[in-house]
PDB file of all heavy atoms in Angstrom:
ATOM      1  N   ASP A   1       0.847  -1.177  -0.004  1.00  0.00           N
ATOM      2  CA  ASP A   1      -0.007   0.001   0.006  1.00  0.00           C
ATOM      3  C   ASP A   1       0.893   1.248   0.000  1.00  0.00           C
ATOM      4  O   ASP A   1       1.862   1.320   0.763  1.00  0.00           O
ATOM      5  CB  ASP A   1      -0.898  -0.029   1.246  1.00  0.00           C
ATOM      6  CG  ASP A   1      -2.005   0.987   1.183  1.00  0.00           C
ATOM      7  OD1 ASP A   1      -2.060   1.738   0.207  1.00  0.00           O
ATOM      8  OD2 ASP A   1      -2.835   1.010   2.129  1.00  0.00           O
ATOM      9  N   ASN A   2       0.563   2.216  -0.878  1.00  0.00           N
ATOM     10  CA  ASN A   2       1.290   3.477  -0.924  1.00  0.00           C
ATOM     11  C   ASN A   2       2.752   3.303  -1.282  1.00  0.00           C
ATOM     12  O   ASN A   2       3.604   4.063  -0.807  1.00  0.00           O
ATOM     13  CB  ASN A   2       1.127   4.253   0.383  1.00  0.00           C
ATOM     14  CG  ASN A   2      -0.330   4.589   0.693  1.00  0.00           C
ATOM     15  OD1 ASN A   2      -1.109   4.757  -0.235  1.00  0.00           O
ATOM     16  ND2 ASN A   2      -0.670   4.634   1.954  1.00  0.00           N
ATOM     17  N   LEU A   3       3.072   2.310  -2.097  1.00  0.00           N
ATOM     18  CA  LEU A   3       4.438   2.094  -2.581  1.00  0.00           C
ATOM     19  C   LEU A   3       5.433   1.921  -1.439  1.00  0.00           C
ATOM     20  O   LEU A   3       6.598   2.264  -1.551  1.00  0.00           O
ATOM     21  CB  LEU A   3       4.882   3.247  -3.499  1.00  0.00           C
ATOM     22  CG  LEU A   3       3.994   3.496  -4.713  1.00  0.00           C
ATOM     23  CD1 LEU A   3       4.429   4.731  -5.467  1.00  0.00           C
ATOM     24  CD2 LEU A   3       3.983   2.280  -5.642  1.00  0.00           C
ATOM     25  N   GLY A   4       4.935   1.429  -0.302  1.00  0.00           N
ATOM     26  CA  GLY A   4       5.779   1.190   0.833  1.00  0.00           C
ATOM     27  C   GLY A   4       6.120   2.434   1.650  1.00  0.00           C
ATOM     28  O   GLY A   4       6.930   2.396   2.567  1.00  0.00           O
ATOM     29  N   ALA A   5       5.428   3.557   1.329  1.00  0.00           N
ATOM     30  CA  ALA A   5       5.764   4.829   1.995  1.00  0.00           C
ATOM     31  C   ALA A   5       4.993   5.031   3.300  1.00  0.00           C
ATOM     32  O   ALA A   5       5.142   6.074   3.933  1.00  0.00           O
ATOM     33  CB  ALA A   5       5.467   5.998   1.033  1.00  0.00           C
ATOM     34  N   GLY A   6       4.180   4.075   3.703  1.00  0.00           N
ATOM     35  CA  GLY A   6       3.448   4.213   4.967  1.00  0.00           C
ATOM     36  C   GLY A   6       2.117   4.900   4.751  1.00  0.00           C
ATOM     37  O   GLY A   6       1.595   5.032   3.658  1.00  0.00           O
ATOM     38  N   TRP A   7       1.557   5.385   5.863  1.00  0.00           N
ATOM     39  CA  TRP A   7       0.241   6.030   5.806  1.00  0.00           C
ATOM     40  C   TRP A   7       0.288   7.357   5.050  1.00  0.00           C
ATOM     41  O   TRP A   7       1.340   7.944   4.895  1.00  0.00           O
ATOM     42  CB  TRP A   7      -0.297   6.237   7.222  1.00  0.00           C
ATOM     43  CG  TRP A   7      -0.590   4.977   7.929  1.00  0.00           C
ATOM     44  CD1 TRP A   7       0.158   4.403   8.924  1.00  0.00           C
ATOM     45  CD2 TRP A   7      -1.643   4.053   7.680  1.00  0.00           C
ATOM     46  NE1 TRP A   7      -0.389   3.225   9.335  1.00  0.00           N
ATOM     47  CE2 TRP A   7      -1.495   2.964   8.593  1.00  0.00           C
ATOM     48  CE3 TRP A   7      -2.728   4.044   6.799  1.00  0.00           C
ATOM     49  CZ2 TRP A   7      -2.379   1.885   8.609  1.00  0.00           C
ATOM     50  CZ3 TRP A   7      -3.622   2.967   6.818  1.00  0.00           C
ATOM     51  CH2 TRP A   7      -3.440   1.915   7.728  1.00  0.00           C
ATOM     52  N   PHE A   8      -0.879   7.805   4.640  1.00  0.00           N
ATOM     53  CA  PHE A   8      -0.968   8.976   3.760  1.00  0.00           C
ATOM     54  C   PHE A   8      -0.337  10.233   4.359  1.00  0.00           C
ATOM     55  O   PHE A   8       0.115  11.107   3.639  1.00  0.00           O
ATOM     56  CB  PHE A   8      -2.420   9.273   3.386  1.00  0.00           C
ATOM     57  CG  PHE A   8      -3.312   9.581   4.555  1.00  0.00           C
ATOM     58  CD1 PHE A   8      -3.443  10.864   5.012  1.00  0.00           C
ATOM     59  CD2 PHE A   8      -4.002   8.575   5.204  1.00  0.00           C
ATOM     60  CE1 PHE A   8      -4.272  11.170   6.086  1.00  0.00           C
ATOM     61  CE2 PHE A   8      -4.816   8.859   6.288  1.00  0.00           C
ATOM     62  CZ  PHE A   8      -4.956  10.149   6.718  1.00  0.00           C
ATOM     63  N   HIS A   9      -0.334  10.335   5.715  1.00  0.00           N
ATOM     64  CA  HIS A   9       0.266  11.553   6.309  1.00  0.00           C
ATOM     65  C   HIS A   9       1.772  11.562   6.213  1.00  0.00           C
ATOM     66  O   HIS A   9       2.410  12.561   6.594  1.00  0.00           O
ATOM     67  CB  HIS A   9      -0.199  11.680   7.780  1.00  0.00           C
ATOM     68  CG  HIS A   9       0.227  10.519   8.639  1.00  0.00           C
ATOM     69  ND1 HIS A   9      -0.589   9.455   8.871  1.00  0.00           N
ATOM     70  CD2 HIS A   9       1.360  10.317   9.320  1.00  0.00           C
ATOM     71  CE1 HIS A   9       0.055   8.587   9.678  1.00  0.00           C
ATOM     72  NE2 HIS A   9       1.235   9.087   9.951  1.00  0.00           N
ATOM     73  N   GLN A  10       2.373  10.500   5.708  1.00  0.00           N
ATOM     74  CA  GLN A  10       3.842  10.439   5.538  1.00  0.00           C
ATOM     75  C   GLN A  10       4.288  10.853   4.142  1.00  0.00           C
ATOM     76  O   GLN A  10       5.486  10.801   3.859  1.00  0.00           O
ATOM     77  CB  GLN A  10       4.345   9.032   5.884  1.00  0.00           C
ATOM     78  CG  GLN A  10       4.119   8.654   7.352  1.00  0.00           C
ATOM     79  CD  GLN A  10       4.517   7.236   7.647  1.00  0.00           C
ATOM     80  OE1 GLN A  10       3.815   6.264   7.361  1.00  0.00           O
ATOM     81  NE2 GLN A  10       5.713   7.093   8.207  1.00  0.00           N
ATOM     82  N   TRP A  11       3.345  11.224   3.283  1.00  0.00           N
ATOM     83  CA  TRP A  11       3.688  11.744   1.951  1.00  0.00           C
ATOM     84  C   TRP A  11       2.690  12.809   1.569  1.00  0.00           C
ATOM     85  O   TRP A  11       1.650  12.931   2.178  1.00  0.00           O
ATOM     86  CB  TRP A  11       3.751  10.625   0.912  1.00  0.00           C
ATOM     87  CG  TRP A  11       2.640   9.609   0.977  1.00  0.00           C
ATOM     88  CD1 TRP A  11       2.561   8.514   1.770  1.00  0.00           C
ATOM     89  CD2 TRP A  11       1.427   9.624   0.209  1.00  0.00           C
ATOM     90  NE1 TRP A  11       1.402   7.811   1.560  1.00  0.00           N
ATOM     91  CE2 TRP A  11       0.675   8.488   0.614  1.00  0.00           C
ATOM     92  CE3 TRP A  11       0.900  10.461  -0.747  1.00  0.00           C
ATOM     93  CZ2 TRP A  11      -0.567   8.183   0.075  1.00  0.00           C
ATOM     94  CZ3 TRP A  11      -0.335  10.152  -1.299  1.00  0.00           C
ATOM     95  CH2 TRP A  11      -1.056   9.025  -0.885  1.00  0.00           C
ATOM     96  N   GLN A  12       3.053  13.640   0.576  1.00  0.00           N
ATOM     97  CA  GLN A  12       2.226  14.759   0.176  1.00  0.00           C
ATOM     98  C   GLN A  12       1.869  14.668  -1.304  1.00  0.00           C
ATOM     99  O   GLN A  12       2.602  14.058  -2.095  1.00  0.00           O
ATOM    100  CB  GLN A  12       2.928  16.082   0.449  1.00  0.00           C
ATOM    101  CG  GLN A  12       3.055  16.424   1.930  1.00  0.00           C
ATOM    102  CD  GLN A  12       3.637  17.823   2.120  1.00  0.00           C
ATOM    103  OE1 GLN A  12       4.540  18.223   1.400  1.00  0.00           O
ATOM    104  NE2 GLN A  12       3.116  18.537   3.088  1.00  0.00           N
ATOM    105  N   THR A  13       0.781  15.300  -1.653  1.00  0.00           N
ATOM    106  CA  THR A  13       0.393  15.409  -3.064  1.00  0.00           C
ATOM    107  C   THR A  13       0.033  16.862  -3.383  1.00  0.00           C
ATOM    108  O   THR A  13      -0.434  17.600  -2.523  1.00  0.00           O
ATOM    109  CB  THR A  13      -0.837  14.544  -3.383  1.00  0.00           C
ATOM    110  OG1 THR A  13      -1.912  14.884  -2.489  1.00  0.00           O
ATOM    111  CG2 THR A  13      -0.524  13.056  -3.207  1.00  0.00           C
ATOM    112  N   ASP A  14       0.283  17.242  -4.621  1.00  0.00           N
ATOM    113  CA  ASP A  14      -0.173  18.554  -5.075  1.00  0.00           C
ATOM    114  C   ASP A  14      -0.402  18.501  -6.590  1.00  0.00           C
ATOM    115  O   ASP A  14      -0.124  17.484  -7.240  1.00  0.00           O
ATOM    116  CB  ASP A  14       0.822  19.665  -4.713  1.00  0.00           C
ATOM    117  CG  ASP A  14       2.199  19.469  -5.326  1.00  0.00           C
ATOM    118  OD1 ASP A  14       2.307  18.720  -6.321  1.00  0.00           O
ATOM    119  OD2 ASP A  14       3.180  20.037  -4.802  1.00  0.00           O
ATOM    120  N   ALA A  15      -0.957  19.563  -7.115  1.00  0.00           N
ATOM    121  CA  ALA A  15      -1.215  19.629  -8.566  1.00  0.00           C
ATOM    122  C   ALA A  15       0.015  20.137  -9.268  1.00  0.00           C
ATOM    123  O   ALA A  15       0.462  21.239  -9.071  1.00  0.00           O
ATOM    124  CB  ALA A  15      -2.414  20.546  -8.805  1.00  0.00           C
ATOM    125  N   PHE A  16       0.596  19.287 -10.123  1.00  0.00           N
ATOM    126  CA  PHE A  16       1.753  19.679 -10.923  1.00  0.00           C
ATOM    127  C   PHE A  16       1.302  20.534 -12.112  1.00  0.00           C
ATOM    128  O   PHE A  16       2.011  21.411 -12.575  1.00  0.00           O
ATOM    129  CB  PHE A  16       2.507  18.422 -11.393  1.00  0.00           C
ATOM    130  CG  PHE A  16       3.768  18.704 -12.102  1.00  0.00           C
ATOM    131  CD1 PHE A  16       4.890  19.130 -11.394  1.00  0.00           C
ATOM    132  CD2 PHE A  16       3.871  18.542 -13.470  1.00  0.00           C
ATOM    133  CE1 PHE A  16       6.086  19.403 -12.059  1.00  0.00           C
ATOM    134  CE2 PHE A  16       5.067  18.802 -14.135  1.00  0.00           C
ATOM    135  CZ  PHE A  16       6.164  19.217 -13.426  1.00  0.00           C
ATOM    136  N   SER A  17       0.100  20.220 -12.619  1.00  0.00           N
ATOM    137  CA  SER A  17      -0.562  21.010 -13.683  1.00  0.00           C
ATOM    138  C   SER A  17      -2.042  20.709 -13.593  1.00  0.00           C
ATOM    139  O   SER A  17      -2.496  20.063 -12.656  1.00  0.00           O
ATOM    140  CB  SER A  17       0.026  20.649 -15.059  1.00  0.00           C
ATOM    141  OG  SER A  17      -0.334  19.332 -15.415  1.00  0.00           O
ATOM    142  N   ALA A  18      -2.796  21.159 -14.561  1.00  0.00           N
ATOM    143  CA  ALA A  18      -4.253  20.969 -14.548  1.00  0.00           C
ATOM    144  C   ALA A  18      -4.645  19.504 -14.602  1.00  0.00           C
ATOM    145  O   ALA A  18      -5.716  19.123 -14.106  1.00  0.00           O
ATOM    146  CB  ALA A  18      -4.904  21.745 -15.702  1.00  0.00           C
ATOM    147  N   ASP A  19      -3.811  18.657 -15.203  1.00  0.00           N
ATOM    148  CA  ASP A  19      -4.122  17.234 -15.313  1.00  0.00           C
ATOM    149  C   ASP A  19      -2.985  16.317 -14.855  1.00  0.00           C
ATOM    150  O   ASP A  19      -2.910  15.167 -15.269  1.00  0.00           O
ATOM    151  CB  ASP A  19      -4.567  16.882 -16.732  1.00  0.00           C
ATOM    152  CG  ASP A  19      -3.564  17.326 -17.773  1.00  0.00           C
ATOM    153  OD1 ASP A  19      -2.448  17.764 -17.382  1.00  0.00           O
ATOM    154  OD2 ASP A  19      -3.867  17.245 -18.989  1.00  0.00           O
ATOM    155  N   HIS A  20      -2.071  16.874 -14.070  1.00  0.00           N
ATOM    156  CA  HIS A  20      -0.969  16.082 -13.516  1.00  0.00           C
ATOM    157  C   HIS A  20      -0.871  16.303 -12.014  1.00  0.00           C
ATOM    158  O   HIS A  20      -1.070  17.414 -11.507  1.00  0.00           O
ATOM    159  CB  HIS A  20       0.356  16.449 -14.167  1.00  0.00           C
ATOM    160  CG  HIS A  20       0.523  15.934 -15.569  1.00  0.00           C
ATOM    161  ND1 HIS A  20      -0.119  16.488 -16.644  1.00  0.00           N
ATOM    162  CD2 HIS A  20       1.247  14.884 -16.059  1.00  0.00           C
ATOM    163  CE1 HIS A  20       0.206  15.829 -17.736  1.00  0.00           C
ATOM    164  NE2 HIS A  20       1.043  14.861 -17.418  1.00  0.00           N
ATOM    165  N   ILE A  21      -0.551  15.236 -11.322  1.00  0.00           N
ATOM    166  CA  ILE A  21      -0.342  15.322  -9.875  1.00  0.00           C
ATOM    167  C   ILE A  21       1.096  14.967  -9.543  1.00  0.00           C
ATOM    168  O   ILE A  21       1.791  14.291 -10.315  1.00  0.00           O
ATOM    169  CB  ILE A  21      -1.292  14.384  -9.096  1.00  0.00           C
ATOM    170  CG1 ILE A  21      -1.052  12.911  -9.470  1.00  0.00           C
ATOM    171  CG2 ILE A  21      -2.749  14.796  -9.316  1.00  0.00           C
ATOM    172  CD1 ILE A  21      -1.814  11.920  -8.606  1.00  0.00           C
ATOM    173  N   ARG A  22       1.575  15.443  -8.373  1.00  0.00           N
ATOM    174  CA  ARG A  22       2.915  15.145  -7.917  1.00  0.00           C
ATOM    175  C   ARG A  22       2.836  14.597  -6.517  1.00  0.00           C
ATOM    176  O   ARG A  22       2.172  15.148  -5.630  1.00  0.00           O
ATOM    177  CB  ARG A  22       3.778  16.404  -7.934  1.00  0.00           C
ATOM    178  CG  ARG A  22       5.163  16.218  -7.317  1.00  0.00           C
ATOM    179  CD  ARG A  22       6.066  17.384  -7.648  1.00  0.00           C
ATOM    180  NE  ARG A  22       5.404  18.667  -7.381  1.00  0.00           N
ATOM    181  CZ  ARG A  22       5.813  19.828  -7.892  1.00  0.00           C
ATOM    182  NH1 ARG A  22       6.858  19.852  -8.692  1.00  0.00           N
ATOM    183  NH2 ARG A  22       5.187  20.957  -7.604  1.00  0.00           N
ATOM    184  N   LEU A  23       3.446  13.416  -6.308  1.00  0.00           N
ATOM    185  CA  LEU A  23       3.528  12.797  -5.005  1.00  0.00           C
ATOM    186  C   LEU A  23       4.954  12.943  -4.481  1.00  0.00           C
ATOM    187  O   LEU A  23       5.909  12.671  -5.197  1.00  0.00           O
ATOM    188  CB  LEU A  23       3.157  11.303  -5.073  1.00  0.00           C
ATOM    189  CG  LEU A  23       1.678  10.940  -5.228  1.00  0.00           C
ATOM    190  CD1 LEU A  23       1.168  11.256  -6.642  1.00  0.00           C
ATOM    191  CD2 LEU A  23       1.449   9.480  -4.901  1.00  0.00           C
ATOM    192  N   ARG A  24       5.076  13.390  -3.245  1.00  0.00           N
ATOM    193  CA  ARG A  24       6.372  13.564  -2.625  1.00  0.00           C
ATOM    194  C   ARG A  24       6.452  12.763  -1.339  1.00  0.00           C
ATOM    195  O   ARG A  24       5.569  12.833  -0.494  1.00  0.00           O
ATOM    196  CB  ARG A  24       6.613  15.059  -2.319  1.00  0.00           C
ATOM    197  CG  ARG A  24       6.769  15.929  -3.579  1.00  0.00           C
ATOM    198  CD  ARG A  24       6.823  17.383  -3.225  1.00  0.00           C
ATOM    199  NE  ARG A  24       7.187  18.211  -4.353  1.00  0.00           N
ATOM    200  CZ  ARG A  24       7.153  19.527  -4.336  1.00  0.00           C
ATOM    201  NH1 ARG A  24       6.763  20.172  -3.244  1.00  0.00           N
ATOM    202  NH2 ARG A  24       7.485  20.224  -5.416  1.00  0.00           N
ATOM    203  N   GLY A  25       7.534  12.004  -1.219  1.00  0.00           N
ATOM    204  CA  GLY A  25       7.734  11.202  -0.014  1.00  0.00           C
ATOM    205  C   GLY A  25       8.824  10.184  -0.242  1.00  0.00           C
ATOM    206  O   GLY A  25       9.478  10.142  -1.300  1.00  0.00           O
ATOM    207  N   ASN A  26       9.039   9.343   0.765  1.00  0.00           N
ATOM    208  CA  ASN A  26      10.032   8.272   0.677  1.00  0.00           C
ATOM    209  C   ASN A  26       9.346   7.020   0.176  1.00  0.00           C
ATOM    210  O   ASN A  26       8.728   6.310   0.938  1.00  0.00           O
ATOM    211  CB  ASN A  26      10.682   8.047   2.039  1.00  0.00           C
ATOM    212  CG  ASN A  26      11.708   6.940   1.995  1.00  0.00           C
ATOM    213  OD1 ASN A  26      12.249   6.623   0.933  1.00  0.00           O
ATOM    214  ND2 ASN A  26      11.959   6.314   3.123  1.00  0.00           N
ATOM    215  N   PHE A  27       9.453   6.774  -1.130  1.00  0.00           N
ATOM    216  CA  PHE A  27       8.785   5.625  -1.741  1.00  0.00           C
ATOM    217  C   PHE A  27       9.803   4.510  -2.016  1.00  0.00           C
ATOM    218  O   PHE A  27      10.592   4.598  -2.951  1.00  0.00           O
ATOM    219  CB  PHE A  27       8.099   6.013  -3.063  1.00  0.00           C
ATOM    220  CG  PHE A  27       7.079   7.104  -2.886  1.00  0.00           C
ATOM    221  CD1 PHE A  27       7.362   8.419  -3.271  1.00  0.00           C
ATOM    222  CD2 PHE A  27       5.841   6.833  -2.342  1.00  0.00           C
ATOM    223  CE1 PHE A  27       6.422   9.396  -3.157  1.00  0.00           C
ATOM    224  CE2 PHE A  27       4.887   7.820  -2.191  1.00  0.00           C
ATOM    225  CZ  PHE A  27       5.165   9.104  -2.567  1.00  0.00           C
TER     226      PHE A  27
END
């Protein structure tokens, strides 16, 4: 689950563009 990065509060997401997302964390 979550590419091994743990629970959702251990990584962040934001909008990279109108149709792209960016996930940041230790994956």
